[in-house]
């Protein structure tokens, strides 16, 4: 038994001895490769909700989408039909009653974002670009069965929007 103990102690003693080392320096290079993908950063997306009031005739409002896309990169903003669309118009709802509204890409309200054609496209220029979407409630779209829209009768809708590039 003692013999085994001595051998074990000797083995431990040998492994604890420092090894002789030579000093030196080695130089080399490490290759680094990175691929940067083109993209966009959305800086403001409907921070101001689409709101307005309506008491007959025509009512308009607008909201902005701001983004910064790489120079030359094509982008598209798509706005869906909302939660209450019917036929060819989006509608805001209140207790089973509906107030139709339309969206446009221009302040003159001539380029409509219909339910079928609902995209705005552009090309990045490496600076912040703002796209304004305009809304319009027009009397000819409002059904005669819609109750009077008095104060405290909010009609609401939620639009889904996406930006792709």
N, C-alpha and C. Protein backbone atom coordinates (compact mmCIF):
# COMPACT_ATOMS: atom_id res chain seq x y z
N UNK A 1 0.81 -1.18 0.00
CA UNK A 1 0.00 0.00 0.00
C UNK A 1 0.86 1.25 0.00
N UNK A 2 1.95 1.25 0.75
CA UNK A 2 2.83 2.41 0.77
C UNK A 2 3.43 2.66 -0.60
N UNK A 3 3.75 1.63 -1.28
CA UNK A 3 4.36 1.76 -2.59
C UNK A 3 3.41 2.50 -3.56
N UNK A 4 2.18 2.18 -3.52
CA UNK A 4 1.22 2.86 -4.38
C UNK A 4 1.11 4.32 -4.01
N UNK A 5 1.18 4.60 -2.74
CA UNK A 5 1.07 5.98 -2.28
C UNK A 5 2.27 6.78 -2.76
N UNK A 6 3.46 6.22 -2.68
CA UNK A 6 4.66 6.93 -3.11
C UNK A 6 4.61 7.18 -4.61
N UNK A 7 4.19 6.25 -5.35
CA UNK A 7 4.14 6.40 -6.79
C UNK A 7 3.14 7.51 -7.15
N UNK A 8 2.06 7.53 -6.48
CA UNK A 8 1.06 8.56 -6.72
C UNK A 8 1.61 9.92 -6.37
N UNK A 9 2.30 10.03 -5.24
CA UNK A 9 2.88 11.31 -4.84
C UNK A 9 3.96 11.75 -5.81
N UNK A 10 4.73 10.84 -6.31
CA UNK A 10 5.77 11.16 -7.26
C UNK A 10 5.14 11.68 -8.57
N UNK A 11 4.09 11.04 -8.96
CA UNK A 11 3.40 11.48 -10.18
C UNK A 11 2.85 12.88 -10.04
N UNK A 12 2.33 13.19 -8.90
CA UNK A 12 1.81 14.54 -8.65
C UNK A 12 2.93 15.55 -8.60
N UNK A 13 4.02 15.19 -8.02
CA UNK A 13 5.15 16.10 -7.92
C UNK A 13 5.70 16.42 -9.29
N UNK A 14 5.73 15.46 -10.19
CA UNK A 14 6.26 15.69 -11.53
C UNK A 14 5.34 16.60 -12.34
N UNK A 15 4.06 16.46 -12.15
CA UNK A 15 3.15 17.31 -12.93
C UNK A 15 3.13 18.73 -12.40
N UNK A 16 3.59 18.95 -11.18
CA UNK A 16 3.58 20.29 -10.62
C UNK A 16 4.83 21.07 -11.00
N UNK A 17 5.83 20.44 -11.55
CA UNK A 17 7.06 21.14 -11.91
C UNK A 17 6.82 22.02 -13.13
N UNK A 18 7.37 23.23 -13.13
CA UNK A 18 7.20 24.09 -14.29
C UNK A 18 7.97 23.56 -15.48
N UNK A 19 7.42 23.76 -16.66
CA UNK A 19 8.08 23.34 -17.87
C UNK A 19 8.90 24.51 -18.41
N UNK A 20 9.99 24.23 -18.99
CA UNK A 20 10.81 25.27 -19.58
C UNK A 20 10.11 25.77 -20.84
N UNK A 21 10.10 27.10 -21.05
CA UNK A 21 9.43 27.67 -22.21
C UNK A 21 10.35 28.64 -22.90
N UNK A 22 10.17 28.74 -24.19
CA UNK A 22 10.93 29.71 -24.96
C UNK A 22 10.02 30.88 -25.28
N UNK A 23 10.50 32.10 -25.16
CA UNK A 23 9.72 33.29 -25.48
C UNK A 23 9.76 33.53 -26.97
N UNK A 24 8.68 34.10 -27.50
CA UNK A 24 8.65 34.39 -28.92
C UNK A 24 7.39 35.15 -29.30
N UNK A 25 7.32 35.62 -30.50
CA UNK A 25 6.17 36.36 -31.01
C UNK A 25 5.83 35.82 -32.38
N UNK A 26 4.56 35.65 -32.62
CA UNK A 26 4.09 35.25 -33.94
C UNK A 26 3.09 36.28 -34.41
N UNK A 27 3.24 36.75 -35.61
CA UNK A 27 2.32 37.72 -36.20
C UNK A 27 1.52 37.04 -37.29
N UNK A 28 0.31 37.52 -37.47
CA UNK A 28 -0.53 36.97 -38.52
C UNK A 28 -1.66 37.93 -38.82
N UNK A 29 -2.54 37.56 -39.68
CA UNK A 29 -3.70 38.39 -39.98
C UNK A 29 -4.96 37.54 -39.88
N UNK A 30 -6.03 38.21 -39.54
CA UNK A 30 -7.34 37.56 -39.43
C UNK A 30 -8.25 38.23 -40.45
N UNK A 31 -8.73 37.50 -41.42
CA UNK A 31 -9.61 38.12 -42.43
C UNK A 31 -10.99 38.42 -41.83
N UNK A 32 -11.52 39.59 -42.15
CA UNK A 32 -12.85 39.99 -41.70
C UNK A 32 -13.65 40.32 -42.95
N UNK A 33 -14.82 39.72 -43.07
CA UNK A 33 -15.69 39.97 -44.21
C UNK A 33 -17.08 40.28 -43.67
N UNK A 34 -17.71 41.31 -44.22
CA UNK A 34 -19.08 41.66 -43.81
C UNK A 34 -19.87 42.03 -45.06
N UNK A 35 -21.12 41.64 -45.07
CA UNK A 35 -22.02 42.01 -46.16
C UNK A 35 -23.11 42.89 -45.57
N UNK A 36 -23.26 44.08 -46.11
CA UNK A 36 -24.26 45.02 -45.63
C UNK A 36 -25.45 44.97 -46.58
N UNK A 37 -26.60 44.63 -46.06
CA UNK A 37 -27.81 44.55 -46.88
C UNK A 37 -28.48 45.91 -46.95
N UNK A 38 -29.04 46.21 -48.09
CA UNK A 38 -29.80 47.45 -48.24
C UNK A 38 -31.05 47.36 -47.38
N UNK A 39 -31.52 48.49 -46.88
CA UNK A 39 -32.71 48.46 -46.05
C UNK A 39 -33.30 49.83 -45.79
N UNK A 40 -34.32 49.83 -44.97
CA UNK A 40 -35.03 51.05 -44.59
C UNK A 40 -35.19 51.07 -43.07
N UNK A 41 -35.26 52.27 -42.54
CA UNK A 41 -35.56 52.47 -41.12
C UNK A 41 -36.80 53.34 -41.07
N UNK A 42 -37.85 52.83 -40.43
CA UNK A 42 -39.08 53.60 -40.30
C UNK A 42 -38.94 54.51 -39.10
N UNK A 43 -39.07 55.82 -39.33
CA UNK A 43 -38.89 56.77 -38.24
C UNK A 43 -40.21 57.29 -37.68
N UNK A 44 -41.28 57.21 -38.44
CA UNK A 44 -42.58 57.66 -37.95
C UNK A 44 -43.65 56.92 -38.74
N UNK A 45 -44.50 56.22 -38.04
CA UNK A 45 -45.54 55.46 -38.72
C UNK A 45 -46.86 55.75 -38.05
N UNK A 46 -47.61 56.64 -38.66
CA UNK A 46 -48.95 57.01 -38.17
C UNK A 46 -48.93 57.43 -36.71
N UNK A 47 -47.93 58.25 -36.36
CA UNK A 47 -47.89 58.76 -34.99
C UNK A 47 -49.12 59.61 -34.71
N UNK A 48 -49.66 60.22 -35.75
CA UNK A 48 -50.89 60.98 -35.62
C UNK A 48 -52.01 60.13 -36.22
N UNK A 49 -52.97 59.72 -35.40
CA UNK A 49 -54.05 58.88 -35.95
C UNK A 49 -54.89 59.64 -36.96
N UNK A 50 -55.51 58.89 -37.83
CA UNK A 50 -56.40 59.45 -38.83
C UNK A 50 -57.70 59.82 -38.11
N UNK A 51 -57.91 61.08 -37.93
CA UNK A 51 -59.10 61.53 -37.20
C UNK A 51 -59.76 62.67 -37.96
N UNK A 52 -60.96 62.93 -37.62
CA UNK A 52 -61.68 64.04 -38.22
C UNK A 52 -63.09 64.09 -37.68
N UNK A 53 -63.81 65.07 -38.10
CA UNK A 53 -65.20 65.15 -37.69
C UNK A 53 -66.04 65.26 -38.96
N UNK A 54 -67.27 64.84 -38.84
CA UNK A 54 -68.15 64.84 -40.00
C UNK A 54 -69.53 65.31 -39.57
N UNK A 55 -70.05 66.27 -40.31
CA UNK A 55 -71.42 66.72 -40.04
C UNK A 55 -72.15 66.97 -41.35
N UNK A 56 -71.85 66.14 -42.33
CA UNK A 56 -72.45 66.30 -43.66
C UNK A 56 -71.42 66.91 -44.60
N UNK A 57 -71.68 66.83 -45.86
CA UNK A 57 -70.74 67.37 -46.85
C UNK A 57 -69.51 66.48 -46.96
N UNK A 58 -68.34 67.09 -46.97
CA UNK A 58 -67.09 66.37 -47.11
C UNK A 58 -66.16 66.73 -45.96
N UNK A 59 -65.46 65.74 -45.43
CA UNK A 59 -64.50 65.95 -44.35
C UNK A 59 -63.19 65.28 -44.75
N UNK A 60 -62.06 65.95 -44.50
CA UNK A 60 -60.76 65.37 -44.85
C UNK A 60 -59.81 65.39 -43.66
N UNK A 61 -58.82 64.51 -43.72
CA UNK A 61 -57.80 64.39 -42.67
C UNK A 61 -56.58 63.74 -43.32
N UNK A 62 -55.48 63.58 -42.56
CA UNK A 62 -54.30 62.93 -43.13
C UNK A 62 -53.41 62.36 -42.03
N UNK A 63 -52.51 61.45 -42.41
CA UNK A 63 -51.46 60.96 -41.52
C UNK A 63 -50.21 60.72 -42.34
N UNK A 64 -49.06 60.67 -41.68
CA UNK A 64 -47.78 60.54 -42.35
C UNK A 64 -47.08 59.23 -42.03
N UNK A 65 -46.32 58.74 -42.99
CA UNK A 65 -45.41 57.62 -42.80
C UNK A 65 -44.04 58.14 -43.22
N UNK A 66 -43.06 58.12 -42.29
CA UNK A 66 -41.72 58.60 -42.60
C UNK A 66 -40.72 57.47 -42.48
N UNK A 67 -39.81 57.41 -43.45
CA UNK A 67 -38.79 56.36 -43.46
C UNK A 67 -37.53 56.88 -44.14
N UNK A 68 -36.45 56.20 -43.84
CA UNK A 68 -35.16 56.50 -44.49
C UNK A 68 -34.66 55.21 -45.11
N UNK A 69 -34.58 55.19 -46.44
CA UNK A 69 -34.15 54.00 -47.16
C UNK A 69 -32.85 54.29 -47.90
N UNK A 70 -32.06 53.25 -48.09
CA UNK A 70 -30.80 53.40 -48.81
C UNK A 70 -31.04 53.98 -50.20
N UNK A 71 -30.07 54.73 -50.67
CA UNK A 71 -30.17 55.37 -51.98
C UNK A 71 -30.42 54.33 -53.08
N UNK A 72 -31.46 54.57 -53.87
CA UNK A 72 -31.79 53.69 -54.98
C UNK A 72 -32.63 52.48 -54.63
N UNK A 73 -32.93 52.27 -53.35
CA UNK A 73 -33.71 51.11 -52.92
C UNK A 73 -35.20 51.37 -53.10
N UNK A 74 -35.88 50.49 -53.82
CA UNK A 74 -37.33 50.63 -54.02
C UNK A 74 -38.07 50.19 -52.76
N UNK A 75 -39.10 50.95 -52.37
CA UNK A 75 -39.91 50.61 -51.20
C UNK A 75 -41.39 50.71 -51.57
N UNK A 76 -42.22 50.02 -50.78
CA UNK A 76 -43.67 50.04 -50.99
C UNK A 76 -44.37 50.09 -49.64
N UNK A 77 -45.33 50.98 -49.51
CA UNK A 77 -46.21 51.04 -48.33
C UNK A 77 -47.55 50.46 -48.78
N UNK A 78 -48.04 49.46 -48.05
CA UNK A 78 -49.33 48.84 -48.36
C UNK A 78 -50.28 49.07 -47.19
N UNK A 79 -51.46 49.56 -47.49
CA UNK A 79 -52.48 49.81 -46.46
C UNK A 79 -53.66 48.89 -46.73
N UNK A 80 -54.05 48.13 -45.71
CA UNK A 80 -55.12 47.15 -45.93
C UNK A 80 -56.50 47.81 -45.92
N UNK A 81 -57.52 46.98 -45.94
CA UNK A 81 -58.91 47.44 -46.05
C UNK A 81 -59.51 47.90 -44.73
N UNK A 82 -58.81 47.68 -43.63
CA UNK A 82 -59.38 48.01 -42.33
C UNK A 82 -60.27 46.88 -41.84
N UNK A 83 -60.92 47.11 -40.73
CA UNK A 83 -61.73 46.06 -40.10
C UNK A 83 -63.16 45.99 -40.62
N UNK A 84 -63.64 47.04 -41.28
CA UNK A 84 -65.06 47.12 -41.60
C UNK A 84 -65.38 47.40 -43.06
N UNK A 85 -64.44 47.17 -43.97
CA UNK A 85 -64.65 47.50 -45.38
C UNK A 85 -65.85 46.75 -45.95
N UNK A 86 -66.47 47.39 -46.92
CA UNK A 86 -67.61 46.77 -47.59
C UNK A 86 -67.68 47.33 -49.01
N UNK A 87 -67.83 46.43 -49.96
CA UNK A 87 -67.90 46.90 -51.34
C UNK A 87 -66.58 47.49 -51.77
N UNK A 88 -66.57 48.77 -52.05
CA UNK A 88 -65.36 49.43 -52.53
C UNK A 88 -64.80 50.47 -51.56
N UNK A 89 -65.39 50.58 -50.37
CA UNK A 89 -64.91 51.61 -49.43
C UNK A 89 -64.57 51.02 -48.06
N UNK A 90 -63.66 51.68 -47.39
CA UNK A 90 -63.37 51.38 -46.00
C UNK A 90 -64.47 52.04 -45.16
N UNK A 91 -64.72 51.49 -43.97
CA UNK A 91 -65.77 52.06 -43.14
C UNK A 91 -65.33 52.08 -41.69
N UNK A 92 -65.66 53.16 -41.01
CA UNK A 92 -65.50 53.24 -39.56
C UNK A 92 -66.83 52.78 -38.96
N UNK A 93 -66.77 52.15 -37.79
CA UNK A 93 -67.98 51.57 -37.20
C UNK A 93 -68.30 52.15 -35.82
N UNK A 94 -69.58 52.13 -35.50
CA UNK A 94 -70.08 52.51 -34.18
C UNK A 94 -71.38 51.76 -33.96
N UNK A 95 -71.33 50.75 -33.09
CA UNK A 95 -72.53 50.00 -32.69
C UNK A 95 -73.36 49.51 -33.88
N UNK A 96 -72.71 48.93 -34.85
CA UNK A 96 -73.43 48.39 -36.00
C UNK A 96 -73.76 49.39 -37.08
N UNK A 97 -73.42 50.65 -36.88
CA UNK A 97 -73.60 51.67 -37.91
C UNK A 97 -72.23 51.96 -38.51
N UNK A 98 -72.21 52.38 -39.78
CA UNK A 98 -70.95 52.57 -40.48
C UNK A 98 -70.86 53.92 -41.17
N UNK A 99 -69.65 54.47 -41.17
CA UNK A 99 -69.36 55.72 -41.84
C UNK A 99 -68.26 55.45 -42.87
N UNK A 100 -68.60 55.42 -44.16
CA UNK A 100 -67.61 55.12 -45.20
C UNK A 100 -66.57 56.24 -45.34
N UNK A 101 -65.35 55.86 -45.67
CA UNK A 101 -64.30 56.85 -45.95
C UNK A 101 -63.37 56.29 -47.00
N UNK A 102 -62.64 57.18 -47.65
CA UNK A 102 -61.70 56.80 -48.70
C UNK A 102 -60.32 57.36 -48.38
N UNK A 103 -59.29 56.68 -48.89
CA UNK A 103 -57.91 57.13 -48.70
C UNK A 103 -57.30 57.55 -50.04
N UNK A 104 -56.41 58.54 -49.98
CA UNK A 104 -55.79 59.08 -51.19
C UNK A 104 -54.30 59.31 -50.95
N UNK A 105 -53.55 59.36 -52.05
CA UNK A 105 -52.10 59.60 -51.96
C UNK A 105 -51.73 61.05 -52.22
N UNK A 106 -52.72 61.88 -52.56
CA UNK A 106 -52.42 63.29 -52.87
C UNK A 106 -53.40 64.22 -52.17
N UNK A 107 -52.94 65.43 -51.91
CA UNK A 107 -53.77 66.43 -51.22
C UNK A 107 -54.98 66.83 -52.05
N UNK A 108 -54.90 66.69 -53.37
CA UNK A 108 -56.03 67.02 -54.24
C UNK A 108 -57.11 65.96 -54.25
N UNK A 109 -56.87 64.84 -53.54
CA UNK A 109 -57.82 63.74 -53.39
C UNK A 109 -58.27 63.17 -54.74
N UNK A 110 -57.31 62.99 -55.65
CA UNK A 110 -57.64 62.42 -56.95
C UNK A 110 -57.04 61.03 -57.16
N UNK A 111 -55.99 60.66 -56.40
CA UNK A 111 -55.36 59.33 -56.53
C UNK A 111 -55.77 58.46 -55.35
N UNK A 112 -56.87 57.74 -55.52
CA UNK A 112 -57.44 56.96 -54.41
C UNK A 112 -56.67 55.65 -54.17
N UNK A 113 -56.48 55.33 -52.89
CA UNK A 113 -55.96 54.02 -52.48
C UNK A 113 -57.19 53.14 -52.28
N UNK A 114 -57.56 52.43 -53.32
CA UNK A 114 -58.77 51.60 -53.25
C UNK A 114 -58.46 50.32 -52.47
N UNK A 115 -59.48 49.52 -52.27
CA UNK A 115 -59.28 48.24 -51.59
C UNK A 115 -58.43 47.31 -52.45
N UNK A 116 -58.52 47.45 -53.77
CA UNK A 116 -57.78 46.58 -54.68
C UNK A 116 -56.40 47.14 -55.03
N UNK A 117 -56.27 48.44 -55.08
CA UNK A 117 -54.99 49.10 -55.42
C UNK A 117 -54.59 49.96 -54.23
N UNK A 118 -53.85 49.34 -53.31
CA UNK A 118 -53.65 49.97 -52.01
C UNK A 118 -52.18 50.18 -51.66
N UNK A 119 -51.33 50.46 -52.65
CA UNK A 119 -49.91 50.63 -52.38
C UNK A 119 -49.41 52.00 -52.83
N UNK A 120 -48.39 52.45 -52.12
CA UNK A 120 -47.66 53.67 -52.46
C UNK A 120 -46.21 53.22 -52.62
N UNK A 121 -45.58 53.59 -53.73
CA UNK A 121 -44.21 53.15 -53.98
C UNK A 121 -43.29 54.34 -54.14
N UNK A 122 -42.02 54.09 -53.88
CA UNK A 122 -41.02 55.13 -54.06
C UNK A 122 -39.63 54.52 -54.10
N UNK A 123 -38.65 55.40 -54.18
CA UNK A 123 -37.25 54.97 -54.22
C UNK A 123 -36.48 55.75 -53.17
N UNK A 124 -35.71 55.03 -52.36
CA UNK A 124 -34.94 55.66 -51.30
C UNK A 124 -33.89 56.61 -51.84
N UNK A 125 -33.60 57.65 -51.04
CA UNK A 125 -32.58 58.62 -51.42
C UNK A 125 -31.59 58.87 -50.29
N UNK A 126 -31.55 57.97 -49.31
CA UNK A 126 -30.65 58.04 -48.15
C UNK A 126 -31.00 59.19 -47.20
N UNK A 127 -32.15 59.80 -47.39
CA UNK A 127 -32.64 60.85 -46.48
C UNK A 127 -34.04 60.44 -46.03
N UNK A 128 -34.53 61.06 -44.97
CA UNK A 128 -35.89 60.75 -44.50
C UNK A 128 -36.89 61.22 -45.55
N UNK A 129 -37.77 60.31 -45.93
CA UNK A 129 -38.84 60.62 -46.87
C UNK A 129 -40.17 60.44 -46.16
N UNK A 130 -41.09 61.37 -46.37
CA UNK A 130 -42.40 61.31 -45.74
C UNK A 130 -43.47 61.14 -46.80
N UNK A 131 -44.31 60.14 -46.59
CA UNK A 131 -45.45 59.89 -47.45
C UNK A 131 -46.70 60.23 -46.66
N UNK A 132 -47.54 61.08 -47.20
CA UNK A 132 -48.78 61.47 -46.53
C UNK A 132 -49.95 60.74 -47.16
N UNK A 133 -50.81 60.18 -46.31
CA UNK A 133 -52.03 59.53 -46.76
C UNK A 133 -53.19 60.42 -46.30
N UNK A 134 -54.08 60.71 -47.21
CA UNK A 134 -55.21 61.61 -46.95
C UNK A 134 -56.50 60.80 -46.90
N UNK A 135 -57.41 61.22 -46.01
CA UNK A 135 -58.71 60.54 -45.95
C UNK A 135 -59.82 61.52 -46.31
N UNK A 136 -60.90 60.95 -46.76
CA UNK A 136 -62.04 61.79 -47.14
C UNK A 136 -63.33 61.05 -46.83
N UNK A 137 -64.21 61.72 -46.13
CA UNK A 137 -65.58 61.24 -45.94
C UNK A 137 -66.43 62.13 -46.83
N UNK A 138 -67.11 61.52 -47.77
CA UNK A 138 -67.94 62.33 -48.66
C UNK A 138 -69.40 61.95 -48.50
N UNK A 139 -70.22 62.93 -48.55
CA UNK A 139 -71.64 62.75 -48.30
C UNK A 139 -72.28 61.71 -49.21
N UNK A 140 -71.83 61.59 -50.45
CA UNK A 140 -72.44 60.64 -51.38
C UNK A 140 -72.18 59.19 -50.98
N UNK A 141 -71.14 58.93 -50.14
CA UNK A 141 -70.86 57.57 -49.66
C UNK A 141 -71.65 57.21 -48.41
N UNK A 142 -72.14 58.22 -47.68
CA UNK A 142 -72.79 57.98 -46.38
C UNK A 142 -74.23 57.52 -46.63
N UNK A 143 -74.55 56.31 -46.16
CA UNK A 143 -75.93 55.83 -46.36
C UNK A 143 -76.94 56.70 -45.60
N UNK A 144 -78.10 56.84 -46.17
CA UNK A 144 -79.13 57.67 -45.52
C UNK A 144 -79.60 57.04 -44.22
N UNK A 145 -79.35 55.75 -44.03
CA UNK A 145 -79.78 55.08 -42.80
C UNK A 145 -78.83 55.33 -41.63
N UNK A 146 -77.69 55.99 -41.88
CA UNK A 146 -76.75 56.26 -40.79
C UNK A 146 -77.36 57.27 -39.84
N UNK A 147 -77.38 56.97 -38.54
CA UNK A 147 -77.98 57.91 -37.60
C UNK A 147 -77.17 59.20 -37.53
N UNK A 148 -77.77 60.22 -36.99
CA UNK A 148 -77.09 61.51 -36.84
C UNK A 148 -75.79 61.30 -36.07
N UNK A 149 -74.74 61.94 -36.53
CA UNK A 149 -73.42 61.79 -35.92
C UNK A 149 -73.18 62.93 -34.95
N UNK A 150 -73.73 62.85 -33.79
CA UNK A 150 -73.56 63.91 -32.81
C UNK A 150 -72.27 63.75 -32.02
N UNK A 151 -72.00 64.71 -31.18
CA UNK A 151 -70.82 64.65 -30.32
C UNK A 151 -70.92 63.41 -29.45
N UNK A 152 -69.80 62.77 -29.21
CA UNK A 152 -69.79 61.57 -28.37
C UNK A 152 -70.13 60.31 -29.13
N UNK A 153 -70.24 60.39 -30.44
CA UNK A 153 -70.53 59.20 -31.24
C UNK A 153 -69.33 58.88 -32.12
N UNK A 154 -68.24 58.38 -31.55
CA UNK A 154 -67.06 58.11 -32.38
C UNK A 154 -67.23 56.86 -33.25
N UNK A 155 -66.88 57.00 -34.48
CA UNK A 155 -66.83 55.90 -35.42
C UNK A 155 -65.35 55.56 -35.58
N UNK A 156 -64.98 54.29 -35.45
CA UNK A 156 -63.58 53.93 -35.48
C UNK A 156 -63.31 52.78 -36.46
N UNK A 157 -62.08 52.71 -36.90
CA UNK A 157 -61.59 51.62 -37.74
C UNK A 157 -60.10 51.48 -37.46
N UNK A 158 -59.55 50.33 -37.75
CA UNK A 158 -58.13 50.11 -37.59
C UNK A 158 -57.57 49.64 -38.92
N UNK A 159 -56.59 50.38 -39.42
CA UNK A 159 -55.94 50.02 -40.68
C UNK A 159 -54.64 49.30 -40.39
N UNK A 160 -54.39 48.24 -41.13
CA UNK A 160 -53.10 47.57 -41.07
C UNK A 160 -52.22 48.13 -42.18
N UNK A 161 -50.97 48.38 -41.87
CA UNK A 161 -50.07 48.93 -42.88
C UNK A 161 -48.72 48.23 -42.78
N UNK A 162 -48.05 48.06 -43.91
CA UNK A 162 -46.73 47.44 -43.90
C UNK A 162 -45.84 48.18 -44.90
N UNK A 163 -44.57 48.16 -44.60
CA UNK A 163 -43.57 48.75 -45.49
C UNK A 163 -42.64 47.63 -45.90
N UNK A 164 -42.43 47.49 -47.19
CA UNK A 164 -41.52 46.44 -47.66
C UNK A 164 -40.52 47.06 -48.63
N UNK A 165 -39.39 46.40 -48.75
CA UNK A 165 -38.33 46.84 -49.67
C UNK A 165 -37.59 45.66 -50.19
